[in-house]
N, C-alpha and C. Protein backbone atom coordinates (compact mmCIF):
# COMPACT_ATOMS: atom_id res chain seq x y z
N UNK A 1 21.56 24.32 0.50
CA UNK A 1 21.85 23.00 -0.01
C UNK A 1 21.53 21.97 1.09
N UNK A 2 20.75 20.95 0.78
CA UNK A 2 20.39 19.96 1.79
C UNK A 2 21.63 19.22 2.34
N UNK A 3 21.47 18.70 3.55
CA UNK A 3 22.56 18.01 4.24
C UNK A 3 23.08 16.83 3.45
N UNK A 4 22.20 16.05 2.86
CA UNK A 4 22.64 14.85 2.12
C UNK A 4 23.49 15.24 0.91
N UNK A 5 23.15 16.33 0.25
CA UNK A 5 23.96 16.77 -0.89
C UNK A 5 25.35 17.23 -0.44
N UNK A 6 25.41 17.90 0.70
CA UNK A 6 26.72 18.30 1.24
C UNK A 6 27.54 17.08 1.64
N UNK A 7 26.87 16.09 2.23
CA UNK A 7 27.56 14.86 2.60
C UNK A 7 28.08 14.13 1.36
N UNK A 8 27.28 14.15 0.30
CA UNK A 8 27.70 13.48 -0.94
C UNK A 8 28.92 14.16 -1.54
N UNK A 9 28.97 15.48 -1.49
CA UNK A 9 30.15 16.18 -2.01
C UNK A 9 31.39 15.84 -1.21
N UNK A 10 31.22 15.74 0.10
CA UNK A 10 32.37 15.50 0.97
C UNK A 10 32.76 14.03 1.06
N UNK A 11 31.76 13.14 1.15
CA UNK A 11 32.01 11.71 1.37
C UNK A 11 31.50 10.85 0.22
N UNK A 12 31.50 11.37 -0.97
CA UNK A 12 31.00 10.64 -2.13
C UNK A 12 31.73 9.33 -2.40
N UNK A 13 32.93 9.21 -1.87
CA UNK A 13 33.73 8.01 -2.09
C UNK A 13 33.15 6.78 -1.41
N UNK A 14 32.21 6.96 -0.44
CA UNK A 14 31.64 5.79 0.22
C UNK A 14 30.53 5.14 -0.60
N UNK A 15 30.13 5.78 -1.69
CA UNK A 15 29.07 5.22 -2.52
C UNK A 15 29.52 3.89 -3.11
N UNK A 16 28.67 2.88 -2.96
CA UNK A 16 28.96 1.54 -3.48
C UNK A 16 27.91 1.22 -4.54
N UNK A 17 28.26 1.32 -5.82
CA UNK A 17 27.29 0.98 -6.86
C UNK A 17 26.89 -0.49 -6.75
N UNK A 18 25.61 -0.75 -6.79
CA UNK A 18 25.12 -2.12 -6.71
C UNK A 18 25.25 -2.72 -5.33
N UNK A 19 25.12 -1.91 -4.30
CA UNK A 19 25.31 -2.40 -2.92
C UNK A 19 24.29 -3.46 -2.55
N UNK A 20 23.07 -3.34 -3.03
CA UNK A 20 22.05 -4.33 -2.70
C UNK A 20 22.38 -5.66 -3.39
N UNK A 21 22.90 -5.62 -4.60
CA UNK A 21 23.32 -6.85 -5.28
C UNK A 21 24.41 -7.56 -4.48
N UNK A 22 25.35 -6.77 -3.97
CA UNK A 22 26.45 -7.34 -3.20
C UNK A 22 25.92 -7.97 -1.92
N UNK A 23 25.07 -7.25 -1.20
CA UNK A 23 24.53 -7.76 0.06
C UNK A 23 23.70 -9.02 -0.18
N UNK A 24 22.84 -8.98 -1.18
CA UNK A 24 21.98 -10.14 -1.42
C UNK A 24 22.78 -11.34 -1.95
N UNK A 25 23.83 -11.09 -2.71
CA UNK A 25 24.69 -12.19 -3.16
C UNK A 25 25.39 -12.84 -1.98
N UNK A 26 25.90 -12.03 -1.07
CA UNK A 26 26.54 -12.56 0.14
C UNK A 26 25.53 -13.28 1.03
N UNK A 27 24.32 -12.74 1.10
CA UNK A 27 23.27 -13.39 1.88
C UNK A 27 22.93 -14.76 1.30
N UNK A 28 22.85 -14.84 -0.02
CA UNK A 28 22.58 -16.13 -0.67
C UNK A 28 23.75 -17.10 -0.44
N UNK A 29 24.98 -16.59 -0.46
CA UNK A 29 26.14 -17.44 -0.21
C UNK A 29 26.12 -17.98 1.21
N UNK A 30 25.81 -17.14 2.19
CA UNK A 30 25.72 -17.59 3.58
C UNK A 30 24.61 -18.63 3.72
N UNK A 31 23.48 -18.38 3.07
CA UNK A 31 22.39 -19.36 3.12
C UNK A 31 22.85 -20.69 2.52
N UNK A 32 23.53 -20.63 1.37
CA UNK A 32 23.99 -21.85 0.70
C UNK A 32 24.99 -22.61 1.58
N UNK A 33 25.96 -21.91 2.15
CA UNK A 33 26.95 -22.57 3.01
C UNK A 33 26.30 -23.16 4.26
N UNK A 34 25.35 -22.45 4.83
CA UNK A 34 24.63 -22.97 6.00
C UNK A 34 23.80 -24.19 5.63
N UNK A 35 23.24 -24.18 4.43
CA UNK A 35 22.42 -25.31 3.98
C UNK A 35 23.28 -26.53 3.69
N UNK A 36 24.50 -26.32 3.21
CA UNK A 36 25.41 -27.45 2.94
C UNK A 36 25.75 -28.21 4.21
N UNK A 37 26.00 -27.47 5.27
CA UNK A 37 26.37 -28.11 6.53
C UNK A 37 25.15 -28.58 7.31
N UNK A 38 24.00 -28.06 6.99
CA UNK A 38 22.77 -28.48 7.66
C UNK A 38 22.65 -27.99 9.09
N UNK A 39 23.45 -27.01 9.46
CA UNK A 39 23.36 -26.47 10.81
C UNK A 39 23.40 -24.94 10.76
N UNK A 40 23.23 -24.37 11.92
CA UNK A 40 23.17 -22.91 12.00
C UNK A 40 24.44 -22.31 12.61
N UNK A 41 25.54 -23.05 12.64
CA UNK A 41 26.77 -22.53 13.26
C UNK A 41 27.25 -21.25 12.61
N UNK A 42 27.23 -21.20 11.28
CA UNK A 42 27.66 -20.00 10.57
C UNK A 42 26.76 -18.82 10.90
N UNK A 43 25.46 -19.08 10.95
CA UNK A 43 24.49 -18.02 11.26
C UNK A 43 24.75 -17.47 12.67
N UNK A 44 25.02 -18.36 13.62
CA UNK A 44 25.25 -17.92 15.00
C UNK A 44 26.56 -17.15 15.15
N UNK A 45 27.48 -17.30 14.19
CA UNK A 45 28.74 -16.57 14.26
C UNK A 45 28.64 -15.17 13.67
N UNK A 46 27.61 -14.89 12.90
CA UNK A 46 27.49 -13.57 12.27
C UNK A 46 26.32 -12.75 12.78
N UNK A 47 25.48 -13.32 13.61
CA UNK A 47 24.29 -12.64 14.08
C UNK A 47 24.67 -11.46 14.98
N UNK A 48 23.84 -10.43 14.99
CA UNK A 48 24.05 -9.25 15.82
C UNK A 48 23.66 -9.60 17.25
N UNK A 49 24.67 -9.67 18.14
CA UNK A 49 24.42 -10.06 19.53
C UNK A 49 25.31 -9.22 20.44
N UNK A 50 24.68 -8.48 21.33
CA UNK A 50 25.38 -7.51 22.17
C UNK A 50 26.50 -8.14 23.00
N UNK A 51 26.21 -9.22 23.68
CA UNK A 51 27.20 -9.84 24.56
C UNK A 51 28.42 -10.33 23.78
N UNK A 52 28.19 -10.88 22.60
CA UNK A 52 29.30 -11.35 21.78
C UNK A 52 30.15 -10.19 21.29
N UNK A 53 29.52 -9.09 20.95
CA UNK A 53 30.25 -7.90 20.49
C UNK A 53 31.11 -7.36 21.63
N UNK A 54 30.53 -7.30 22.82
CA UNK A 54 31.28 -6.81 23.98
C UNK A 54 32.42 -7.74 24.37
N UNK A 55 32.33 -9.01 23.97
CA UNK A 55 33.39 -9.97 24.25
C UNK A 55 34.45 -9.99 23.15
N UNK A 56 34.40 -9.05 22.21
CA UNK A 56 35.45 -8.91 21.22
C UNK A 56 35.11 -9.36 19.81
N UNK A 57 33.93 -9.86 19.58
CA UNK A 57 33.55 -10.31 18.24
C UNK A 57 32.95 -9.13 17.46
N UNK A 58 33.81 -8.18 17.11
CA UNK A 58 33.35 -6.92 16.51
C UNK A 58 32.87 -7.07 15.08
N UNK A 59 33.19 -8.18 14.40
CA UNK A 59 32.71 -8.38 13.04
C UNK A 59 31.20 -8.45 12.98
N UNK A 60 30.58 -8.76 14.10
CA UNK A 60 29.12 -8.87 14.15
C UNK A 60 28.43 -7.51 13.90
N UNK A 61 29.18 -6.42 14.07
CA UNK A 61 28.61 -5.10 13.84
C UNK A 61 28.19 -4.89 12.39
N UNK A 62 28.80 -5.62 11.46
CA UNK A 62 28.43 -5.51 10.05
C UNK A 62 28.04 -6.85 9.43
N UNK A 63 28.50 -7.95 10.00
CA UNK A 63 28.24 -9.25 9.37
C UNK A 63 26.77 -9.66 9.43
N UNK A 64 26.01 -9.11 10.37
CA UNK A 64 24.61 -9.49 10.48
C UNK A 64 23.81 -9.10 9.24
N UNK A 65 24.33 -8.18 8.45
CA UNK A 65 23.63 -7.72 7.26
C UNK A 65 23.46 -8.86 6.25
N UNK A 66 24.40 -9.79 6.21
CA UNK A 66 24.33 -10.87 5.22
C UNK A 66 23.72 -12.15 5.81
N UNK A 67 23.10 -12.04 6.96
CA UNK A 67 22.44 -13.20 7.56
C UNK A 67 21.12 -13.47 6.85
N UNK A 68 20.90 -14.72 6.39
CA UNK A 68 19.61 -15.02 5.74
C UNK A 68 18.48 -15.00 6.75
N UNK A 69 17.24 -14.87 6.28
CA UNK A 69 16.10 -14.87 7.21
C UNK A 69 16.09 -16.15 8.05
N UNK A 70 15.69 -16.05 9.32
CA UNK A 70 15.71 -17.22 10.20
C UNK A 70 14.74 -18.29 9.74
N UNK A 71 15.12 -19.54 9.98
CA UNK A 71 14.26 -20.67 9.67
C UNK A 71 14.30 -21.13 8.23
N UNK A 72 15.16 -20.55 7.41
CA UNK A 72 15.20 -20.93 6.00
C UNK A 72 16.45 -21.70 5.62
N UNK A 73 17.22 -22.12 6.59
CA UNK A 73 18.43 -22.87 6.28
C UNK A 73 18.01 -24.27 5.87
N UNK A 74 18.53 -24.73 4.76
CA UNK A 74 18.19 -26.04 4.22
C UNK A 74 17.44 -25.91 2.91
N UNK A 75 17.11 -27.02 2.35
CA UNK A 75 16.45 -27.02 1.04
C UNK A 75 15.01 -26.54 1.09
N UNK A 76 14.41 -26.54 2.28
CA UNK A 76 13.02 -26.07 2.35
C UNK A 76 12.89 -24.58 2.09
N UNK A 77 13.97 -23.83 2.18
CA UNK A 77 13.90 -22.40 1.95
C UNK A 77 14.43 -21.96 0.60
N UNK A 78 14.71 -22.89 -0.29
CA UNK A 78 15.35 -22.54 -1.57
C UNK A 78 14.46 -21.66 -2.44
N UNK A 79 13.18 -21.96 -2.47
CA UNK A 79 12.27 -21.16 -3.31
C UNK A 79 12.13 -19.76 -2.73
N UNK A 80 11.96 -19.66 -1.41
CA UNK A 80 11.84 -18.35 -0.79
C UNK A 80 13.11 -17.53 -0.99
N UNK A 81 14.27 -18.15 -0.79
CA UNK A 81 15.54 -17.43 -0.96
C UNK A 81 15.71 -16.96 -2.40
N UNK A 82 15.34 -17.80 -3.36
CA UNK A 82 15.44 -17.42 -4.77
C UNK A 82 14.64 -16.15 -5.04
N UNK A 83 13.38 -16.15 -4.63
CA UNK A 83 12.54 -14.98 -4.88
C UNK A 83 12.95 -13.78 -4.02
N UNK A 84 13.37 -14.02 -2.78
CA UNK A 84 13.79 -12.92 -1.92
C UNK A 84 15.03 -12.23 -2.48
N UNK A 85 15.98 -13.01 -2.97
CA UNK A 85 17.21 -12.42 -3.52
C UNK A 85 16.89 -11.59 -4.76
N UNK A 86 16.17 -12.16 -5.70
CA UNK A 86 15.91 -11.44 -6.94
C UNK A 86 14.96 -10.26 -6.74
N UNK A 87 13.98 -10.40 -5.85
CA UNK A 87 13.07 -9.29 -5.60
C UNK A 87 13.80 -8.15 -4.90
N UNK A 88 14.66 -8.47 -3.94
CA UNK A 88 15.42 -7.43 -3.25
C UNK A 88 16.39 -6.73 -4.18
N UNK A 89 17.03 -7.49 -5.08
CA UNK A 89 17.91 -6.87 -6.06
C UNK A 89 17.12 -5.95 -6.99
N UNK A 90 15.95 -6.39 -7.41
CA UNK A 90 15.08 -5.57 -8.25
C UNK A 90 14.73 -4.26 -7.55
N UNK A 91 14.33 -4.35 -6.27
CA UNK A 91 13.99 -3.14 -5.52
C UNK A 91 15.20 -2.26 -5.30
N UNK A 92 16.35 -2.87 -5.02
CA UNK A 92 17.57 -2.10 -4.83
C UNK A 92 17.97 -1.35 -6.08
N UNK A 93 17.84 -2.00 -7.24
CA UNK A 93 18.14 -1.33 -8.50
C UNK A 93 17.18 -0.16 -8.75
N UNK A 94 15.91 -0.38 -8.41
CA UNK A 94 14.92 0.68 -8.59
C UNK A 94 15.26 1.88 -7.71
N UNK A 95 15.56 1.62 -6.44
CA UNK A 95 15.86 2.71 -5.53
C UNK A 95 17.19 3.38 -5.87
N UNK A 96 18.16 2.61 -6.34
CA UNK A 96 19.44 3.20 -6.73
C UNK A 96 19.28 4.09 -7.96
N UNK A 97 18.38 3.74 -8.87
CA UNK A 97 18.15 4.59 -10.04
C UNK A 97 17.43 5.88 -9.65
N UNK A 98 16.67 5.85 -8.57
CA UNK A 98 15.96 7.05 -8.11
C UNK A 98 16.88 7.93 -7.28
N UNK A 99 17.57 7.33 -6.31
CA UNK A 99 18.39 8.09 -5.37
C UNK A 99 19.83 8.26 -5.81
N UNK A 100 20.37 7.26 -6.43
CA UNK A 100 21.80 7.24 -6.72
C UNK A 100 22.52 6.34 -5.72
N UNK A 101 23.73 5.98 -6.05
CA UNK A 101 24.49 5.04 -5.22
C UNK A 101 24.81 5.59 -3.84
N UNK A 102 25.16 6.87 -3.78
CA UNK A 102 25.54 7.44 -2.49
C UNK A 102 24.38 7.44 -1.50
N UNK A 103 23.22 7.90 -1.92
CA UNK A 103 22.08 7.99 -1.01
C UNK A 103 21.61 6.61 -0.56
N UNK A 104 21.65 5.63 -1.46
CA UNK A 104 21.27 4.28 -1.07
C UNK A 104 22.28 3.69 -0.09
N UNK A 105 23.56 3.92 -0.34
CA UNK A 105 24.59 3.45 0.59
C UNK A 105 24.43 4.12 1.95
N UNK A 106 24.18 5.42 1.94
CA UNK A 106 23.97 6.16 3.19
C UNK A 106 22.74 5.64 3.93
N UNK A 107 21.68 5.36 3.20
CA UNK A 107 20.45 4.81 3.78
C UNK A 107 20.74 3.48 4.48
N UNK A 108 21.49 2.61 3.82
CA UNK A 108 21.80 1.31 4.41
C UNK A 108 22.77 1.44 5.59
N UNK A 109 23.73 2.35 5.50
CA UNK A 109 24.64 2.57 6.62
C UNK A 109 23.87 3.08 7.84
N UNK A 110 22.96 4.01 7.61
CA UNK A 110 22.14 4.52 8.72
C UNK A 110 21.26 3.40 9.29
N UNK A 111 20.77 2.52 8.44
CA UNK A 111 19.99 1.39 8.91
C UNK A 111 20.82 0.44 9.76
N UNK A 112 22.05 0.18 9.35
CA UNK A 112 22.95 -0.69 10.12
C UNK A 112 23.24 -0.05 11.48
N UNK A 113 23.53 1.24 11.47
CA UNK A 113 23.79 1.94 12.73
C UNK A 113 22.57 1.89 13.64
N UNK A 114 21.38 2.07 13.06
CA UNK A 114 20.15 1.99 13.83
C UNK A 114 19.92 0.61 14.43
N UNK A 115 20.22 -0.43 13.67
CA UNK A 115 20.06 -1.79 14.19
C UNK A 115 21.04 -2.08 15.32
N UNK A 116 22.27 -1.60 15.18
CA UNK A 116 23.27 -1.80 16.24
C UNK A 116 22.85 -1.06 17.50
N UNK A 117 22.39 0.18 17.36
CA UNK A 117 21.93 0.94 18.52
C UNK A 117 20.74 0.23 19.17
N UNK A 118 19.82 -0.27 18.37
CA UNK A 118 18.66 -0.99 18.91
C UNK A 118 19.08 -2.24 19.66
N UNK A 119 20.07 -2.95 19.15
CA UNK A 119 20.54 -4.16 19.83
C UNK A 119 21.16 -3.81 21.18
N UNK A 120 21.85 -2.69 21.25
CA UNK A 120 22.46 -2.31 22.53
C UNK A 120 21.44 -1.74 23.51
N UNK A 121 20.38 -1.11 23.00
CA UNK A 121 19.35 -0.58 23.90
C UNK A 121 18.36 -1.65 24.35
N UNK A 122 18.00 -2.54 23.44
CA UNK A 122 17.05 -3.61 23.73
C UNK A 122 17.70 -4.93 23.32
N UNK A 123 18.65 -5.45 24.08
CA UNK A 123 19.41 -6.62 23.64
C UNK A 123 18.55 -7.87 23.46
N UNK A 124 18.86 -8.60 22.39
CA UNK A 124 18.23 -9.88 22.14
C UNK A 124 16.85 -9.84 21.52
N UNK A 125 16.30 -8.67 21.29
CA UNK A 125 14.93 -8.59 20.77
C UNK A 125 14.86 -8.60 19.25
N UNK A 126 15.86 -8.08 18.59
CA UNK A 126 15.77 -7.94 17.14
C UNK A 126 16.84 -8.70 16.38
N UNK A 127 17.72 -9.43 17.05
CA UNK A 127 18.89 -9.95 16.35
C UNK A 127 18.55 -11.00 15.31
N UNK A 128 17.44 -11.69 15.40
CA UNK A 128 17.13 -12.69 14.39
C UNK A 128 16.51 -12.10 13.14
N UNK A 129 15.91 -10.92 13.24
CA UNK A 129 15.25 -10.35 12.06
C UNK A 129 15.87 -9.04 11.60
N UNK A 130 16.97 -8.62 12.22
CA UNK A 130 17.55 -7.32 11.88
C UNK A 130 17.97 -7.22 10.43
N UNK A 131 18.57 -8.26 9.90
CA UNK A 131 19.00 -8.26 8.50
C UNK A 131 17.79 -8.19 7.57
N UNK A 132 16.76 -8.92 7.88
CA UNK A 132 15.55 -8.94 7.07
C UNK A 132 14.89 -7.57 7.07
N UNK A 133 14.80 -6.94 8.22
CA UNK A 133 14.19 -5.61 8.32
C UNK A 133 14.97 -4.59 7.51
N UNK A 134 16.28 -4.65 7.60
CA UNK A 134 17.13 -3.68 6.92
C UNK A 134 16.95 -3.73 5.41
N UNK A 135 17.06 -4.91 4.83
CA UNK A 135 16.96 -5.03 3.38
C UNK A 135 15.53 -4.80 2.90
N UNK A 136 14.57 -5.32 3.63
CA UNK A 136 13.19 -5.17 3.18
C UNK A 136 12.63 -3.78 3.42
N UNK A 137 13.33 -2.94 4.17
CA UNK A 137 12.89 -1.55 4.30
C UNK A 137 13.02 -0.83 2.96
N UNK A 138 13.82 -1.39 2.08
CA UNK A 138 13.94 -0.83 0.74
C UNK A 138 12.60 -0.90 0.02
N UNK A 139 11.81 -1.94 0.32
CA UNK A 139 10.48 -2.07 -0.26
C UNK A 139 9.64 -0.84 0.08
N UNK A 140 9.69 -0.39 1.33
CA UNK A 140 8.89 0.77 1.73
C UNK A 140 9.41 2.05 1.09
N UNK A 141 10.72 2.15 0.95
CA UNK A 141 11.29 3.33 0.29
C UNK A 141 10.86 3.37 -1.17
N UNK A 142 10.84 2.21 -1.84
CA UNK A 142 10.38 2.16 -3.23
C UNK A 142 8.89 2.49 -3.33
N UNK A 143 8.12 2.07 -2.34
CA UNK A 143 6.67 2.32 -2.35
C UNK A 143 6.37 3.81 -2.25
N UNK A 144 7.24 4.56 -1.59
CA UNK A 144 7.04 6.00 -1.48
C UNK A 144 7.18 6.66 -2.85
N UNK A 145 8.13 6.20 -3.65
CA UNK A 145 8.39 6.81 -4.95
C UNK A 145 7.53 6.22 -6.08
N UNK A 146 7.05 5.01 -5.91
CA UNK A 146 6.22 4.35 -6.93
C UNK A 146 4.99 3.74 -6.29
N UNK A 147 4.06 4.56 -5.79
CA UNK A 147 2.92 4.00 -5.04
C UNK A 147 1.95 3.18 -5.88
N UNK A 148 1.94 3.36 -7.18
CA UNK A 148 0.99 2.62 -8.02
C UNK A 148 1.65 1.50 -8.80
N UNK A 149 2.88 1.19 -8.45
CA UNK A 149 3.59 0.11 -9.13
C UNK A 149 2.96 -1.23 -8.76
N UNK A 150 2.72 -2.08 -9.73
CA UNK A 150 2.11 -3.38 -9.50
C UNK A 150 3.20 -4.44 -9.46
N UNK A 151 3.33 -5.10 -8.33
CA UNK A 151 4.26 -6.21 -8.19
C UNK A 151 3.52 -7.47 -8.62
N UNK A 152 4.18 -8.28 -9.42
CA UNK A 152 3.54 -9.51 -9.91
C UNK A 152 4.18 -10.72 -9.24
N UNK A 153 3.37 -11.43 -8.48
CA UNK A 153 3.81 -12.64 -7.81
C UNK A 153 4.08 -13.72 -8.85
N UNK A 154 5.28 -14.30 -8.81
CA UNK A 154 5.73 -15.28 -9.78
C UNK A 154 5.72 -14.72 -11.21
N UNK A 155 5.74 -13.39 -11.34
CA UNK A 155 5.76 -12.75 -12.64
C UNK A 155 4.42 -12.73 -13.34
N UNK A 156 3.36 -13.23 -12.70
CA UNK A 156 2.06 -13.34 -13.35
C UNK A 156 0.95 -12.66 -12.56
N UNK A 157 0.81 -13.02 -11.30
CA UNK A 157 -0.32 -12.60 -10.48
C UNK A 157 -0.06 -11.19 -9.91
N UNK A 158 -0.88 -10.20 -10.29
CA UNK A 158 -0.65 -8.84 -9.77
C UNK A 158 -1.00 -8.74 -8.29
N UNK A 159 -0.10 -8.13 -7.53
CA UNK A 159 -0.31 -7.94 -6.10
C UNK A 159 -0.14 -6.46 -5.81
N UNK A 160 -1.23 -5.74 -5.70
CA UNK A 160 -1.18 -4.33 -5.32
C UNK A 160 -2.52 -3.96 -4.73
N UNK A 161 -2.50 -3.03 -3.82
CA UNK A 161 -3.71 -2.58 -3.17
C UNK A 161 -4.66 -1.93 -4.17
N UNK A 162 -4.13 -1.10 -5.05
CA UNK A 162 -5.00 -0.40 -5.99
C UNK A 162 -5.63 -1.39 -6.97
N UNK A 163 -4.88 -2.42 -7.35
CA UNK A 163 -5.43 -3.43 -8.26
C UNK A 163 -6.54 -4.22 -7.57
N UNK A 164 -6.35 -4.54 -6.29
CA UNK A 164 -7.37 -5.27 -5.55
C UNK A 164 -8.61 -4.40 -5.35
N UNK A 165 -8.43 -3.12 -5.09
CA UNK A 165 -9.56 -2.21 -4.90
C UNK A 165 -10.36 -2.05 -6.20
N UNK A 166 -9.70 -2.10 -7.34
CA UNK A 166 -10.39 -1.97 -8.62
C UNK A 166 -11.36 -3.13 -8.84
N UNK A 167 -11.00 -4.31 -8.37
CA UNK A 167 -11.89 -5.46 -8.54
C UNK A 167 -13.06 -5.45 -7.55
N UNK A 168 -12.92 -4.75 -6.43
CA UNK A 168 -14.02 -4.64 -5.48
C UNK A 168 -15.16 -3.80 -6.05
N UNK A 169 -14.85 -2.82 -6.88
CA UNK A 169 -15.89 -1.94 -7.40
C UNK A 169 -16.65 -2.56 -8.57
N UNK A 170 -16.15 -3.66 -9.11
CA UNK A 170 -16.85 -4.33 -10.24
C UNK A 170 -18.14 -4.97 -9.80
């Protein structure tokens, strides 16, 4: 029996159904609150930062997950945030239907642990994009299971390598 199946039998209670919806909803809320104030104070309080964690701000070990992508605070990022939230939720639902809630939760927990370890090994190098990398890694996991899936930009324009290659041969 594979290790993940044994872990699921023993620790199945950690499975969070709809975990990507929860994370992306909180990320959108943080973005909205940061945009209301027009500053990055909230973002700087939740970012993954080694020195702050060592000084007792332990909430940063998990709060960085809901940090919106850098540079998008304010109304100029509303369109990107809208599409990022819904696209990430779409991918999360797809991966949860393939893996199940436990495996997706375990995947994200391992990603969080990996980001924290990376911050402590190479401090200050990844803290602004760690949340973005974690959630968007779901895109690569979905691509492994659905390599020929066509993503449509704005719901209309197909964006896929195989679709682009088909037009080259015409």
